[in-house]
PDB file of all heavy atoms in Angstrom:
ATOM      1  N   GLN A   1      -1.309 -77.749   9.200  1.00  0.00           N
ATOM      2  CA  GLN A   1      -1.538 -77.624   7.759  1.00  0.00           C
ATOM      3  C   GLN A   1      -0.254 -77.829   6.964  1.00  0.00           C
ATOM      4  O   GLN A   1      -0.281 -78.400   5.876  1.00  0.00           O
ATOM      5  CB  GLN A   1      -2.162 -76.266   7.420  1.00  0.00           C
ATOM      6  CG  GLN A   1      -3.607 -76.160   7.800  1.00  0.00           C
ATOM      7  CD  GLN A   1      -4.467 -77.121   6.985  1.00  0.00           C
ATOM      8  OE1 GLN A   1      -4.333 -77.249   5.776  1.00  0.00           O
ATOM      9  NE2 GLN A   1      -5.372 -77.806   7.658  1.00  0.00           N
ATOM     10  N   LEU A   2       0.861 -77.393   7.494  1.00  0.00           N
ATOM     11  CA  LEU A   2       2.123 -77.589   6.790  1.00  0.00           C
ATOM     12  C   LEU A   2       2.604 -79.033   6.899  1.00  0.00           C
ATOM     13  O   LEU A   2       3.308 -79.529   6.030  1.00  0.00           O
ATOM     14  CB  LEU A   2       3.188 -76.613   7.299  1.00  0.00           C
ATOM     15  CG  LEU A   2       2.895 -75.154   6.961  1.00  0.00           C
ATOM     16  CD1 LEU A   2       3.936 -74.249   7.583  1.00  0.00           C
ATOM     17  CD2 LEU A   2       2.819 -74.936   5.455  1.00  0.00           C
ATOM     18  N   ARG A   3       2.204 -79.701   7.955  1.00  0.00           N
ATOM     19  CA  ARG A   3       2.551 -81.122   8.123  1.00  0.00           C
ATOM     20  C   ARG A   3       1.687 -81.995   7.218  1.00  0.00           C
ATOM     21  O   ARG A   3       2.180 -82.866   6.507  1.00  0.00           O
ATOM     22  CB  ARG A   3       2.349 -81.543   9.575  1.00  0.00           C
ATOM     23  CG  ARG A   3       2.651 -82.995   9.833  1.00  0.00           C
ATOM     24  CD  ARG A   3       2.426 -83.351  11.314  1.00  0.00           C
ATOM     25  NE  ARG A   3       2.466 -84.778  11.479  1.00  0.00           N
ATOM     26  CZ  ARG A   3       1.412 -85.577  11.354  1.00  0.00           C
ATOM     27  NH1 ARG A   3       0.222 -85.094  11.073  1.00  0.00           N
ATOM     28  NH2 ARG A   3       1.533 -86.879  11.506  1.00  0.00           N
ATOM     29  N   LYS A   4       0.374 -81.750   7.258  1.00  0.00           N
ATOM     30  CA  LYS A   4      -0.572 -82.519   6.450  1.00  0.00           C
ATOM     31  C   LYS A   4      -1.695 -81.587   6.001  1.00  0.00           C
ATOM     32  O   LYS A   4      -2.718 -81.452   6.677  1.00  0.00           O
ATOM     33  CB  LYS A   4      -1.151 -83.689   7.245  1.00  0.00           C
ATOM     34  CG  LYS A   4      -2.072 -84.572   6.427  1.00  0.00           C
ATOM     35  CD  LYS A   4      -2.606 -85.743   7.244  1.00  0.00           C
ATOM     36  CE  LYS A   4      -3.472 -86.638   6.387  1.00  0.00           C
ATOM     37  NZ  LYS A   4      -4.027 -87.744   7.173  1.00  0.00           N
ATOM     38  N   PRO A   5      -1.504 -80.928   4.855  1.00  0.00           N
ATOM     39  CA  PRO A   5      -2.513 -79.985   4.369  1.00  0.00           C
ATOM     40  C   PRO A   5      -3.868 -80.650   4.163  1.00  0.00           C
ATOM     41  O   PRO A   5      -3.954 -81.750   3.623  1.00  0.00           O
ATOM     42  CB  PRO A   5      -1.930 -79.499   3.040  1.00  0.00           C
ATOM     43  CG  PRO A   5      -0.464 -79.723   3.174  1.00  0.00           C
ATOM     44  CD  PRO A   5      -0.324 -80.966   4.006  1.00  0.00           C
ATOM     45  N   THR A   6      -4.917 -79.943   4.607  1.00  0.00           N
ATOM     46  CA  THR A   6      -6.284 -80.439   4.435  1.00  0.00           C
ATOM     47  C   THR A   6      -7.196 -79.299   4.012  1.00  0.00           C
ATOM     48  O   THR A   6      -6.941 -78.134   4.294  1.00  0.00           O
ATOM     49  CB  THR A   6      -6.843 -81.049   5.737  1.00  0.00           C
ATOM     50  OG1 THR A   6      -6.836 -80.050   6.760  1.00  0.00           O
ATOM     51  CG2 THR A   6      -6.031 -82.252   6.191  1.00  0.00           C
ATOM     52  N   GLY A   7      -8.272 -79.673   3.337  1.00  0.00           N
ATOM     53  CA  GLY A   7      -9.317 -78.730   2.998  1.00  0.00           C
ATOM     54  C   GLY A   7      -8.857 -77.570   2.133  1.00  0.00           C
ATOM     55  O   GLY A   7      -7.807 -77.602   1.499  1.00  0.00           O
ATOM     56  N   PHE A   8      -9.679 -76.530   2.119  1.00  0.00           N
ATOM     57  CA  PHE A   8      -9.411 -75.348   1.309  1.00  0.00           C
ATOM     58  C   PHE A   8      -8.077 -74.706   1.684  1.00  0.00           C
ATOM     59  O   PHE A   8      -7.277 -74.367   0.815  1.00  0.00           O
ATOM     60  CB  PHE A   8     -10.547 -74.327   1.481  1.00  0.00           C
ATOM     61  CG  PHE A   8     -10.334 -73.078   0.680  1.00  0.00           C
ATOM     62  CD1 PHE A   8     -10.758 -73.023  -0.633  1.00  0.00           C
ATOM     63  CD2 PHE A   8      -9.707 -71.971   1.235  1.00  0.00           C
ATOM     64  CE1 PHE A   8     -10.554 -71.865  -1.396  1.00  0.00           C
ATOM     65  CE2 PHE A   8      -9.498 -70.823   0.494  1.00  0.00           C
ATOM     66  CZ  PHE A   8      -9.923 -70.771  -0.828  1.00  0.00           C
ATOM     67  N   PHE A   9      -7.815 -74.555   2.971  1.00  0.00           N
ATOM     68  CA  PHE A   9      -6.573 -73.920   3.417  1.00  0.00           C
ATOM     69  C   PHE A   9      -5.361 -74.720   2.930  1.00  0.00           C
ATOM     70  O   PHE A   9      -4.395 -74.153   2.419  1.00  0.00           O
ATOM     71  CB  PHE A   9      -6.539 -73.787   4.940  1.00  0.00           C
ATOM     72  CG  PHE A   9      -5.377 -72.975   5.438  1.00  0.00           C
ATOM     73  CD1 PHE A   9      -5.503 -71.613   5.621  1.00  0.00           C
ATOM     74  CD2 PHE A   9      -4.155 -73.569   5.720  1.00  0.00           C
ATOM     75  CE1 PHE A   9      -4.424 -70.848   6.071  1.00  0.00           C
ATOM     76  CE2 PHE A   9      -3.085 -72.830   6.165  1.00  0.00           C
ATOM     77  CZ  PHE A   9      -3.216 -71.463   6.342  1.00  0.00           C
ATOM     78  N   GLY A  10      -5.413 -76.012   3.078  1.00  0.00           N
ATOM     79  CA  GLY A  10      -4.289 -76.845   2.650  1.00  0.00           C
ATOM     80  C   GLY A  10      -4.055 -76.776   1.159  1.00  0.00           C
ATOM     81  O   GLY A  10      -2.917 -76.646   0.704  1.00  0.00           O
ATOM     82  N   ARG A  11      -5.139 -76.867   0.398  1.00  0.00           N
ATOM     83  CA  ARG A  11      -5.038 -76.889  -1.061  1.00  0.00           C
ATOM     84  C   ARG A  11      -4.569 -75.546  -1.625  1.00  0.00           C
ATOM     85  O   ARG A  11      -3.772 -75.508  -2.552  1.00  0.00           O
ATOM     86  CB  ARG A  11      -6.390 -77.250  -1.653  1.00  0.00           C
ATOM     87  CG  ARG A  11      -6.422 -77.330  -3.159  1.00  0.00           C
ATOM     88  CD  ARG A  11      -7.812 -77.691  -3.645  1.00  0.00           C
ATOM     89  NE  ARG A  11      -8.257 -78.961  -3.123  1.00  0.00           N
ATOM     90  CZ  ARG A  11      -8.018 -80.138  -3.685  1.00  0.00           C
ATOM     91  NH1 ARG A  11      -7.328 -80.203  -4.794  1.00  0.00           N
ATOM     92  NH2 ARG A  11      -8.460 -81.244  -3.148  1.00  0.00           N
ATOM     93  N   HIS A  12      -5.056 -74.451  -1.056  1.00  0.00           N
ATOM     94  CA  HIS A  12      -4.795 -73.138  -1.657  1.00  0.00           C
ATOM     95  C   HIS A  12      -3.741 -72.310  -0.933  1.00  0.00           C
ATOM     96  O   HIS A  12      -3.027 -71.552  -1.581  1.00  0.00           O
ATOM     97  CB  HIS A  12      -6.100 -72.354  -1.762  1.00  0.00           C
ATOM     98  CG  HIS A  12      -7.085 -73.027  -2.660  1.00  0.00           C
ATOM     99  ND1 HIS A  12      -6.971 -73.020  -4.023  1.00  0.00           N
ATOM    100  CD2 HIS A  12      -8.176 -73.773  -2.371  1.00  0.00           C
ATOM    101  CE1 HIS A  12      -7.961 -73.717  -4.545  1.00  0.00           C
ATOM    102  NE2 HIS A  12      -8.704 -74.191  -3.569  1.00  0.00           N
ATOM    103  N   VAL A  13      -3.633 -72.435   0.352  1.00  0.00           N
ATOM    104  CA  VAL A  13      -2.678 -71.614   1.098  1.00  0.00           C
ATOM    105  C   VAL A  13      -1.388 -72.402   1.392  1.00  0.00           C
ATOM    106  O   VAL A  13      -0.295 -71.954   1.047  1.00  0.00           O
ATOM    107  CB  VAL A  13      -3.300 -71.077   2.408  1.00  0.00           C
ATOM    108  CG1 VAL A  13      -2.290 -70.248   3.178  1.00  0.00           C
ATOM    109  CG2 VAL A  13      -4.547 -70.247   2.097  1.00  0.00           C
ATOM    110  N   ALA A  14      -1.508 -73.555   2.006  1.00  0.00           N
ATOM    111  CA  ALA A  14      -0.316 -74.333   2.353  1.00  0.00           C
ATOM    112  C   ALA A  14       0.462 -74.736   1.103  1.00  0.00           C
ATOM    113  O   ALA A  14       1.696 -74.665   1.088  1.00  0.00           O
ATOM    114  CB  ALA A  14      -0.697 -75.565   3.172  1.00  0.00           C
ATOM    115  N   ALA A  15      -0.226 -75.135   0.047  1.00  0.00           N
ATOM    116  CA  ALA A  15       0.456 -75.536  -1.186  1.00  0.00           C
ATOM    117  C   ALA A  15       1.247 -74.376  -1.775  1.00  0.00           C
ATOM    118  O   ALA A  15       2.392 -74.547  -2.202  1.00  0.00           O
ATOM    119  CB  ALA A  15      -0.549 -76.069  -2.210  1.00  0.00           C
ATOM    120  N   ARG A  16       0.660 -73.190  -1.787  1.00  0.00           N
ATOM    121  CA  ARG A  16       1.380 -72.014  -2.305  1.00  0.00           C
ATOM    122  C   ARG A  16       2.552 -71.649  -1.408  1.00  0.00           C
ATOM    123  O   ARG A  16       3.619 -71.276  -1.895  1.00  0.00           O
ATOM    124  CB  ARG A  16       0.430 -70.841  -2.446  1.00  0.00           C
ATOM    125  CG  ARG A  16      -0.510 -71.031  -3.608  1.00  0.00           C
ATOM    126  CD  ARG A  16      -1.334 -69.807  -3.886  1.00  0.00           C
ATOM    127  NE  ARG A  16      -2.193 -70.070  -5.014  1.00  0.00           N
ATOM    128  CZ  ARG A  16      -3.494 -69.861  -5.023  1.00  0.00           C
ATOM    129  NH1 ARG A  16      -4.084 -69.356  -3.966  1.00  0.00           N
ATOM    130  NH2 ARG A  16      -4.210 -70.136  -6.082  1.00  0.00           N
ATOM    131  N   PHE A  17       2.367 -71.753  -0.101  1.00  0.00           N
ATOM    132  CA  PHE A  17       3.466 -71.456   0.810  1.00  0.00           C
ATOM    133  C   PHE A  17       4.614 -72.446   0.590  1.00  0.00           C
ATOM    134  O   PHE A  17       5.785 -72.062   0.549  1.00  0.00           O
ATOM    135  CB  PHE A  17       2.997 -71.497   2.269  1.00  0.00           C
ATOM    136  CG  PHE A  17       4.125 -71.240   3.230  1.00  0.00           C
ATOM    137  CD1 PHE A  17       4.567 -69.951   3.471  1.00  0.00           C
ATOM    138  CD2 PHE A  17       4.759 -72.300   3.864  1.00  0.00           C
ATOM    139  CE1 PHE A  17       5.626 -69.713   4.336  1.00  0.00           C
ATOM    140  CE2 PHE A  17       5.817 -72.077   4.730  1.00  0.00           C
ATOM    141  CZ  PHE A  17       6.242 -70.772   4.965  1.00  0.00           C
ATOM    142  N   MET A  18       4.290 -73.738   0.458  1.00  0.00           N
ATOM    143  CA  MET A  18       5.328 -74.749   0.226  1.00  0.00           C
ATOM    144  C   MET A  18       6.080 -74.460  -1.069  1.00  0.00           C
ATOM    145  O   MET A  18       7.303 -74.603  -1.131  1.00  0.00           O
ATOM    146  CB  MET A  18       4.712 -76.146   0.168  1.00  0.00           C
ATOM    147  CG  MET A  18       4.275 -76.690   1.482  1.00  0.00           C
ATOM    148  SD  MET A  18       3.566 -78.329   1.209  1.00  0.00           S
ATOM    149  CE  MET A  18       2.510 -78.437   2.627  1.00  0.00           C
ATOM    150  N   HIS A  19       5.346 -74.073  -2.100  1.00  0.00           N
ATOM    151  CA  HIS A  19       5.973 -73.750  -3.382  1.00  0.00           C
ATOM    152  C   HIS A  19       7.007 -72.643  -3.186  1.00  0.00           C
ATOM    153  O   HIS A  19       8.136 -72.747  -3.659  1.00  0.00           O
ATOM    154  CB  HIS A  19       4.903 -73.322  -4.385  1.00  0.00           C
ATOM    155  CG  HIS A  19       5.448 -72.828  -5.677  1.00  0.00           C
ATOM    156  ND1 HIS A  19       5.987 -73.673  -6.613  1.00  0.00           N
ATOM    157  CD2 HIS A  19       5.550 -71.586  -6.180  1.00  0.00           C
ATOM    158  CE1 HIS A  19       6.409 -72.952  -7.646  1.00  0.00           C
ATOM    159  NE2 HIS A  19       6.144 -71.697  -7.406  1.00  0.00           N
ATOM    160  N   TRP A  20       6.655 -71.623  -2.476  1.00  0.00           N
ATOM    161  CA  TRP A  20       7.541 -70.481  -2.234  1.00  0.00           C
ATOM    162  C   TRP A  20       8.678 -70.847  -1.272  1.00  0.00           C
ATOM    163  O   TRP A  20       9.840 -70.543  -1.532  1.00  0.00           O
ATOM    164  CB  TRP A  20       6.715 -69.320  -1.681  1.00  0.00           C
ATOM    165  CG  TRP A  20       7.535 -68.196  -1.178  1.00  0.00           C
ATOM    166  CD1 TRP A  20       8.131 -67.215  -1.916  1.00  0.00           C
ATOM    167  CD2 TRP A  20       7.872 -67.929   0.186  1.00  0.00           C
ATOM    168  NE1 TRP A  20       8.816 -66.364  -1.098  1.00  0.00           N
ATOM    169  CE2 TRP A  20       8.673 -66.772   0.205  1.00  0.00           C
ATOM    170  CE3 TRP A  20       7.570 -68.561   1.389  1.00  0.00           C
ATOM    171  CZ2 TRP A  20       9.172 -66.242   1.382  1.00  0.00           C
ATOM    172  CZ3 TRP A  20       8.070 -68.025   2.558  1.00  0.00           C
ATOM    173  CH2 TRP A  20       8.859 -66.878   2.542  1.00  0.00           C
ATOM    174  N   ALA A  21       8.355 -71.502  -0.180  1.00  0.00           N
ATOM    175  CA  ALA A  21       9.334 -71.744   0.883  1.00  0.00           C
ATOM    176  C   ALA A  21      10.361 -72.817   0.541  1.00  0.00           C
ATOM    177  O   ALA A  21      11.452 -72.816   1.104  1.00  0.00           O
ATOM    178  CB  ALA A  21       8.605 -72.123   2.176  1.00  0.00           C
ATOM    179  N   ASN A  22      10.040 -73.718  -0.362  1.00  0.00           N
ATOM    180  CA  ASN A  22      10.928 -74.850  -0.629  1.00  0.00           C
ATOM    181  C   ASN A  22      11.795 -74.701  -1.871  1.00  0.00           C
ATOM    182  O   ASN A  22      12.514 -75.632  -2.233  1.00  0.00           O
ATOM    183  CB  ASN A  22      10.108 -76.139  -0.730  1.00  0.00           C
ATOM    184  CG  ASN A  22       9.501 -76.524   0.597  1.00  0.00           C
ATOM    185  OD1 ASN A  22      10.001 -76.163   1.651  1.00  0.00           O
ATOM    186  ND2 ASN A  22       8.409 -77.252   0.552  1.00  0.00           N
ATOM    187  N   VAL A  23      11.768 -73.552  -2.516  1.00  0.00           N
ATOM    188  CA  VAL A  23      12.550 -73.365  -3.741  1.00  0.00           C
ATOM    189  C   VAL A  23      14.025 -73.676  -3.507  1.00  0.00           C
ATOM    190  O   VAL A  23      14.632 -74.467  -4.231  1.00  0.00           O
ATOM    191  CB  VAL A  23      12.377 -71.930  -4.302  1.00  0.00           C
ATOM    192  CG1 VAL A  23      13.386 -71.653  -5.400  1.00  0.00           C
ATOM    193  CG2 VAL A  23      10.965 -71.733  -4.792  1.00  0.00           C
ATOM    194  N   GLU A  24      14.623 -73.074  -2.507  1.00  0.00           N
ATOM    195  CA  GLU A  24      16.059 -73.240  -2.253  1.00  0.00           C
ATOM    196  C   GLU A  24      16.420 -74.690  -1.928  1.00  0.00           C
ATOM    197  O   GLU A  24      17.369 -75.251  -2.475  1.00  0.00           O
ATOM    198  CB  GLU A  24      16.494 -72.318  -1.114  1.00  0.00           C
ATOM    199  CG  GLU A  24      17.964 -72.406  -0.781  1.00  0.00           C
ATOM    200  CD  GLU A  24      18.871 -71.781  -1.835  1.00  0.00           C
ATOM    201  OE1 GLU A  24      18.411 -70.904  -2.582  1.00  0.00           O
ATOM    202  OE2 GLU A  24      20.041 -72.194  -1.904  1.00  0.00           O
ATOM    203  N   ILE A  25      15.669 -75.295  -1.029  1.00  0.00           N
ATOM    204  CA  ILE A  25      15.991 -76.678  -0.653  1.00  0.00           C
ATOM    205  C   ILE A  25      15.770 -77.633  -1.823  1.00  0.00           C
ATOM    206  O   ILE A  25      16.520 -78.596  -1.997  1.00  0.00           O
ATOM    207  CB  ILE A  25      15.231 -77.133   0.616  1.00  0.00           C
ATOM    208  CG1 ILE A  25      15.885 -78.386   1.175  1.00  0.00           C
ATOM    209  CG2 ILE A  25      13.770 -77.352   0.342  1.00  0.00           C
ATOM    210  CD1 ILE A  25      15.479 -78.714   2.584  1.00  0.00           C
ATOM    211  N   ASN A  26      14.764 -77.383  -2.653  1.00  0.00           N
ATOM    212  CA  ASN A  26      14.546 -78.227  -3.826  1.00  0.00           C
ATOM    213  C   ASN A  26      15.710 -78.104  -4.810  1.00  0.00           C
ATOM    214  O   ASN A  26      16.177 -79.102  -5.356  1.00  0.00           O
ATOM    215  CB  ASN A  26      13.226 -77.884  -4.506  1.00  0.00           C
ATOM    216  CG  ASN A  26      12.027 -78.381  -3.733  1.00  0.00           C
ATOM    217  OD1 ASN A  26      12.140 -79.236  -2.857  1.00  0.00           O
ATOM    218  ND2 ASN A  26      10.862 -77.832  -4.034  1.00  0.00           N
ATOM    219  N   LEU A  27      16.193 -76.884  -5.040  1.00  0.00           N
ATOM    220  CA  LEU A  27      17.338 -76.685  -5.931  1.00  0.00           C
ATOM    221  C   LEU A  27      18.586 -77.384  -5.394  1.00  0.00           C
ATOM    222  O   LEU A  27      19.316 -78.038  -6.137  1.00  0.00           O
ATOM    223  CB  LEU A  27      17.605 -75.196  -6.137  1.00  0.00           C
ATOM    224  CG  LEU A  27      16.552 -74.448  -6.948  1.00  0.00           C
ATOM    225  CD1 LEU A  27      16.825 -72.947  -6.927  1.00  0.00           C
ATOM    226  CD2 LEU A  27      16.485 -74.967  -8.374  1.00  0.00           C
ATOM    227  N   ARG A  28      18.817 -77.261  -4.099  1.00  0.00           N
ATOM    228  CA  ARG A  28      19.972 -77.934  -3.487  1.00  0.00           C
ATOM    229  C   ARG A  28      19.845 -79.455  -3.571  1.00  0.00           C
ATOM    230  O   ARG A  28      20.824 -80.160  -3.800  1.00  0.00           O
ATOM    231  CB  ARG A  28      20.136 -77.508  -2.036  1.00  0.00           C
ATOM    232  CG  ARG A  28      20.637 -76.109  -1.894  1.00  0.00           C
ATOM    233  CD  ARG A  28      20.808 -75.762  -0.442  1.00  0.00           C
ATOM    234  NE  ARG A  28      21.147 -74.373  -0.304  1.00  0.00           N
ATOM    235  CZ  ARG A  28      21.753 -73.866   0.747  1.00  0.00           C
ATOM    236  NH1 ARG A  28      22.066 -74.642   1.773  1.00  0.00           N
ATOM    237  NH2 ARG A  28      22.027 -72.594   0.810  1.00  0.00           N
ATOM    238  N   THR A  29      18.648 -79.941  -3.365  1.00  0.00           N
ATOM    239  CA  THR A  29      18.409 -81.386  -3.446  1.00  0.00           C
ATOM    240  C   THR A  29      18.691 -81.893  -4.853  1.00  0.00           C
ATOM    241  O   THR A  29      19.395 -82.898  -5.028  1.00  0.00           O
ATOM    242  CB  THR A  29      16.959 -81.716  -3.038  1.00  0.00           C
ATOM    243  OG1 THR A  29      16.761 -81.295  -1.689  1.00  0.00           O
ATOM    244  CG2 THR A  29      16.670 -83.198  -3.165  1.00  0.00           C
ATOM    245  N   MET A  30      18.175 -81.197  -5.867  1.00  0.00           N
ATOM    246  CA  MET A  30      18.409 -81.629  -7.245  1.00  0.00           C
ATOM    247  C   MET A  30      19.900 -81.597  -7.574  1.00  0.00           C
ATOM    248  O   MET A  30      20.410 -82.494  -8.245  1.00  0.00           O
ATOM    249  CB  MET A  30      17.611 -80.760  -8.218  1.00  0.00           C
ATOM    250  CG  MET A  30      16.125 -81.037  -8.172  1.00  0.00           C
ATOM    251  SD  MET A  30      15.178 -80.140  -9.426  1.00  0.00           S
ATOM    252  CE  MET A  30      15.396 -78.450  -8.908  1.00  0.00           C
ATOM    253  N   ASP A  31      20.588 -80.591  -7.096  1.00  0.00           N
ATOM    254  CA  ASP A  31      22.024 -80.476  -7.349  1.00  0.00           C
ATOM    255  C   ASP A  31      22.807 -81.610  -6.686  1.00  0.00           C
ATOM    256  O   ASP A  31      23.777 -82.116  -7.236  1.00  0.00           O
ATOM    257  CB  ASP A  31      22.520 -79.118  -6.850  1.00  0.00           C
ATOM    258  CG  ASP A  31      23.957 -78.867  -7.224  1.00  0.00           C
ATOM    259  OD1 ASP A  31      24.310 -79.051  -8.409  1.00  0.00           O
ATOM    260  OD2 ASP A  31      24.734 -78.485  -6.334  1.00  0.00           O
ATOM    261  N   ALA A  32      22.383 -82.022  -5.511  1.00  0.00           N
ATOM    262  CA  ALA A  32      23.109 -83.038  -4.737  1.00  0.00           C
ATOM    263  C   ALA A  32      22.827 -84.465  -5.194  1.00  0.00           C
ATOM    264  O   ALA A  32      23.578 -85.376  -4.854  1.00  0.00           O
ATOM    265  CB  ALA A  32      22.769 -82.909  -3.254  1.00  0.00           C
ATOM    266  N   MET A  33      21.791 -84.679  -5.970  1.00  0.00           N
ATOM    267  CA  MET A  33      21.364 -86.046  -6.275  1.00  0.00           C
ATOM    268  C   MET A  33      22.208 -86.767  -7.319  1.00  0.00           C
ATOM    269  O   MET A  33      22.219 -87.995  -7.350  1.00  0.00           O
ATOM    270  CB  MET A  33      19.898 -86.056  -6.689  1.00  0.00           C
ATOM    271  CG  MET A  33      18.978 -85.754  -5.526  1.00  0.00           C
ATOM    272  SD  MET A  33      17.261 -85.706  -5.986  1.00  0.00           S
ATOM    273  CE  MET A  33      16.887 -87.445  -6.070  1.00  0.00           C
ATOM    274  N   SER A  34      22.875 -86.087  -8.204  1.00  0.00           N
ATOM    275  CA  SER A  34      23.684 -86.725  -9.245  1.00  0.00           C
ATOM    276  C   SER A  34      22.902 -87.814  -9.983  1.00  0.00           C
ATOM    277  O   SER A  34      23.348 -88.960 -10.111  1.00  0.00           O
ATOM    278  CB  SER A  34      24.960 -87.322  -8.650  1.00  0.00           C
ATOM    279  OG  SER A  34      25.726 -86.333  -8.024  1.00  0.00           O
TER     280      SER A  34
END
């Protein structure tokens, strides 16, 4: 599901988990991109 979210679980659970889990890496990525 984390690799390729599908169905109800992917849409509602995996998407929310990704939102929470990727905050730090997204901030670092934006900072590094110039």
